[in-house]
Each structure stands twice: as structure tokens, then as C-alpha cells.
Amino acid sequence: MQVLQAGPHKLILLEIDPAAVTEVAQQAGFEARTKEAPGHILVELTATQRESPLLLFDAADPANLGWFSRCQFYVDGRTGNIMQTPISIANKRDRNGRNMSNGLRLRIAKELPASFRLPGRQPLTEQVLYAMLGNLLVALVKTGVAVCGGSAVQPLAGRTEAPGVRN
């Protein structure tokens, strides 16, 4: 981790190792392909051994209340940002444009404001990021991740379509 100062602005530069990200994903049961970019790292995840959809569900659906109460991670459905983390999420699509139920795309920011803190005012380091990523991937397989509002990120589990109008 490095700190960069440009005038009055300070940034934390995380030195994320793509091989470590791939290893964390493999330990959680995912196949991962990483691609580095200047300010972030992109990760394409596929749960090849999984037959059921990943547990990314709509938090607004009353049928998902049990999952919502167990969630550790919440996704802003308009932006894809996983709240209080430097990670954002997007649906992975097949050739026909439909959401793949066993795959997602992640974007991990490598440049953050120096004031960025995790819940509990914990500073972010590379080791903390790898642990957080592992917890997120396990949550996608075992306990669930909630999508809150918006339409940019579509749920993969539970009711995936909006309920129709009742007569």
C-alpha cells in the first residue's frame, strides 16, 4: 500500500496481486480471470461446479426476508457498488444477452481516498481486501448478497422478475 499526495488530495494506492485474487476465488469455488487496468482490477467469476444460481437476491422482495436478515454485503442496484467496500459488481451475460446464474463480474478499485474506511473505522490494506473478497465470494455461495434498488444489477436467486399486477 502506498499513499500518493497530489496537491491537497491524498490517495491510497493498493498493490493488489491478481494471482492472490485468483487464489482467493479458487478457494471459494470460483474460476476467475483477472485483468489489470490503471485504477482497478477486473475479475470475471464463474462457479463452474454450481448448478443452482449464485445467491444474489432482490432485497425488496418480501419473500427474501430471511436472506436479507443474514446478509453481510449489500449492493447498490443502481451503481453496482458493494456498500462500504472498494468492490463493485455486475451481471455476467451469455451470448443471447441473458444473465448467467453462475457468474459475475467484479471491479476492485486500487485507488481510494485516504479517508476511506471500512465499517468500524478499520483502514483498508491488501490483506484486509483479500479477506473481504473471500467473505463476499463465500456469501454469494452460502448466505446471500442483497441487491438494494435500481436496475443495473439484476438478482440471480429468488424471484428474479418483478411481481405482476394483482386483480
Protein backbone atom coordinates (compact mmCIF):
# COMPACT_ATOMS: atom_id res chain seq x y z
CA MET A 1 0.00 0.00 0.00
CA GLN A 2 1.24 3.46 -0.89
CA VAL A 3 -0.02 6.95 -0.19
CA LEU A 4 0.00 9.44 -3.06
CA GLN A 5 -0.42 13.16 -2.49
CA ALA A 6 -1.33 15.45 -5.36
CA GLY A 7 -1.82 18.97 -4.02
CA PRO A 8 -4.48 18.89 -1.33
CA HIS A 9 -5.66 15.39 -2.36
CA LYS A 10 -4.36 12.16 -0.81
CA LEU A 11 -4.98 8.75 -2.33
CA ILE A 12 -4.31 5.24 -1.06
CA LEU A 13 -2.83 3.06 -3.79
CA LEU A 14 -3.44 -0.63 -3.13
CA GLU A 15 -0.97 -3.07 -4.62
CA ILE A 16 -3.40 -5.86 -5.44
CA ASP A 17 -1.85 -9.06 -6.74
CA PRO A 18 -4.01 -10.64 -9.49
CA ALA A 19 -2.63 -14.08 -8.61
CA ALA A 20 -3.76 -13.64 -4.99
CA VAL A 21 -7.23 -12.58 -6.17
CA THR A 22 -7.43 -15.68 -8.37
CA GLU A 23 -6.33 -17.88 -5.47
CA VAL A 24 -8.97 -16.39 -3.14
CA ALA A 25 -11.62 -17.02 -5.81
CA GLN A 26 -10.48 -20.61 -6.32
CA GLN A 27 -10.63 -21.28 -2.57
CA ALA A 28 -14.27 -20.09 -2.60
CA GLY A 29 -15.11 -22.43 -5.53
CA PHE A 30 -14.92 -19.98 -8.42
CA GLU A 31 -12.98 -19.93 -11.65
CA ALA A 32 -11.52 -16.44 -12.05
CA ARG A 33 -9.96 -14.45 -14.87
CA THR A 34 -8.33 -11.16 -13.90
CA LYS A 35 -7.42 -8.15 -15.97
CA GLU A 36 -5.47 -5.19 -14.63
CA ALA A 37 -6.29 -1.61 -15.52
CA PRO A 38 -4.65 1.60 -14.24
CA GLY A 39 -7.09 2.34 -11.39
CA HIS A 40 -8.74 -1.02 -10.83
CA ILE A 41 -8.64 -4.74 -11.41
CA LEU A 42 -11.43 -6.58 -13.24
CA VAL A 43 -12.36 -10.12 -12.23
CA GLU A 44 -14.67 -12.42 -14.20
CA LEU A 45 -16.04 -15.10 -11.88
CA THR A 46 -17.74 -18.36 -12.79
CA ALA A 47 -18.92 -21.00 -10.34
CA THR A 48 -18.45 -23.96 -12.69
CA GLN A 49 -19.27 -26.65 -10.10
CA ARG A 50 -22.53 -24.96 -9.05
CA GLU A 51 -25.88 -25.98 -10.54
CA SER A 52 -28.09 -23.50 -8.64
CA PRO A 53 -27.80 -19.72 -9.11
CA LEU A 54 -25.47 -17.60 -7.04
CA LEU A 55 -27.24 -16.10 -4.02
CA LEU A 56 -27.58 -12.55 -5.32
CA PHE A 57 -31.16 -11.63 -4.49
CA ASP A 58 -33.60 -8.71 -4.50
CA ALA A 59 -33.74 -7.15 -1.03
CA ALA A 60 -37.13 -5.52 -1.74
CA ASP A 61 -38.94 -8.81 -2.31
CA PRO A 62 -40.77 -9.83 0.91
CA ALA A 63 -40.12 -13.49 0.06
CA ASN A 64 -36.40 -12.86 0.62
CA LEU A 65 -36.74 -11.51 4.16
CA GLY A 66 -34.89 -14.48 5.68
CA TRP A 67 -31.90 -13.98 3.40
CA PHE A 68 -31.87 -10.23 3.93
CA SER A 69 -31.52 -10.62 7.71
CA ARG A 70 -28.42 -12.82 7.28
CA CYS A 71 -26.63 -10.60 4.74
CA GLN A 72 -23.15 -9.26 5.30
CA PHE A 73 -22.94 -7.47 1.91
CA TYR A 74 -25.41 -5.15 0.18
CA VAL A 75 -25.20 -3.99 -3.45
CA ASP A 76 -26.49 -0.62 -4.63
CA GLY A 77 -28.57 -1.82 -7.58
CA ARG A 78 -28.19 1.48 -9.48
CA THR A 79 -24.38 1.60 -9.48
CA GLY A 80 -23.28 -1.95 -8.63
CA ASN A 81 -21.16 -0.73 -5.71
CA ILE A 82 -20.98 -3.10 -2.79
CA MET A 83 -21.68 -0.76 0.09
CA GLN A 84 -18.74 0.25 2.29
CA THR A 85 -16.21 -1.65 0.16
CA PRO A 86 -13.98 -0.77 -2.82
CA ILE A 87 -15.68 -3.51 -4.87
CA SER A 88 -18.44 -3.17 -7.45
CA ILE A 89 -20.37 -5.97 -9.10
CA ALA A 90 -22.07 -6.54 -12.47
CA ASN A 91 -24.04 -9.34 -14.05
CA LYS A 92 -22.26 -11.59 -16.49
CA ARG A 93 -24.26 -12.26 -19.66
CA ASP A 94 -24.34 -15.16 -22.10
CA ARG A 95 -24.29 -14.85 -25.90
CA ASN A 96 -28.04 -14.16 -26.00
CA GLY A 97 -27.78 -11.30 -23.51
CA ARG A 98 -29.36 -13.17 -20.59
CA ASN A 99 -27.85 -13.10 -17.11
CA MET A 100 -25.65 -16.06 -16.30
CA SER A 101 -26.84 -17.50 -12.99
CA ASN A 102 -23.42 -18.88 -12.07
CA GLY A 103 -21.20 -15.91 -12.98
CA LEU A 104 -20.49 -12.29 -12.11
CA ARG A 105 -18.00 -9.54 -12.87
CA LEU A 106 -16.19 -7.69 -10.09
CA ARG A 107 -14.29 -4.41 -10.24
CA ILE A 108 -11.86 -3.80 -7.37
CA ALA A 109 -10.66 -0.21 -7.01
CA LYS A 110 -6.92 0.21 -6.45
CA GLU A 111 -7.08 3.98 -5.87
CA LEU A 112 -9.12 5.22 -2.91
CA PRO A 113 -9.35 8.47 -0.97
CA ALA A 114 -7.07 8.46 2.09
CA SER A 115 -10.16 8.93 4.25
CA PHE A 116 -11.69 5.61 3.07
CA ARG A 117 -12.51 3.33 5.99
CA LEU A 118 -14.34 0.05 6.30
CA PRO A 119 -17.16 -0.40 8.82
CA GLY A 120 -15.80 0.05 12.34
CA ARG A 121 -13.33 2.69 11.07
CA GLN A 122 -10.89 -0.07 10.04
CA PRO A 123 -8.31 1.07 7.48
CA LEU A 124 -8.09 -0.89 4.24
CA THR A 125 -4.94 -2.89 3.44
CA GLU A 126 -4.29 -5.54 0.81
CA GLN A 127 -4.64 -8.37 3.36
CA VAL A 128 -7.97 -6.96 4.60
CA LEU A 129 -9.15 -6.67 0.97
CA TYR A 130 -8.31 -10.33 0.23
CA ALA A 131 -10.19 -11.42 3.38
CA MET A 132 -13.17 -9.23 2.44
CA LEU A 133 -13.17 -10.66 -1.10
CA GLY A 134 -13.13 -14.19 0.29
CA ASN A 135 -16.06 -13.38 2.58
CA LEU A 136 -18.00 -11.86 -0.35
CA LEU A 137 -17.47 -14.92 -2.54
CA VAL A 138 -18.49 -17.30 0.26
CA ALA A 139 -21.60 -15.15 0.83
CA LEU A 140 -22.51 -15.47 -2.87
CA VAL A 141 -22.45 -19.26 -2.46
CA LYS A 142 -23.78 -19.81 1.08
CA THR A 143 -25.59 -16.92 2.83
CA GLY A 144 -26.60 -14.44 0.13
CA VAL A 145 -25.87 -10.89 -1.04
CA ALA A 146 -28.72 -8.37 -1.28
CA VAL A 147 -29.36 -6.06 -4.24
CA CYS A 148 -30.99 -2.87 -2.97
CA GLY A 149 -32.98 -0.84 -5.54
CA GLY A 150 -32.09 0.10 -9.09
CA SER A 151 -31.93 -1.98 -12.22
CA ALA A 152 -28.26 -2.02 -13.23
CA VAL A 153 -27.58 -5.19 -11.23
CA GLN A 154 -30.17 -7.95 -11.60
CA PRO A 155 -30.76 -10.57 -8.88
CA LEU A 156 -29.88 -14.17 -9.73
CA ALA A 157 -31.69 -16.03 -6.92
CA GLY A 158 -35.21 -15.91 -5.54
CA ARG A 159 -37.78 -14.06 -7.61
CA THR A 160 -35.83 -12.53 -10.46
CA GLU A 161 -38.73 -10.72 -12.11
CA ALA A 162 -40.93 -8.00 -10.70
CA PRO A 163 -44.27 -9.32 -9.49
CA GLY A 164 -47.19 -8.63 -11.80
CA VAL A 165 -50.28 -6.57 -11.02
CA ARG A 166 -52.87 -8.38 -8.93
CA ASN A 167 -56.59 -8.20 -9.74
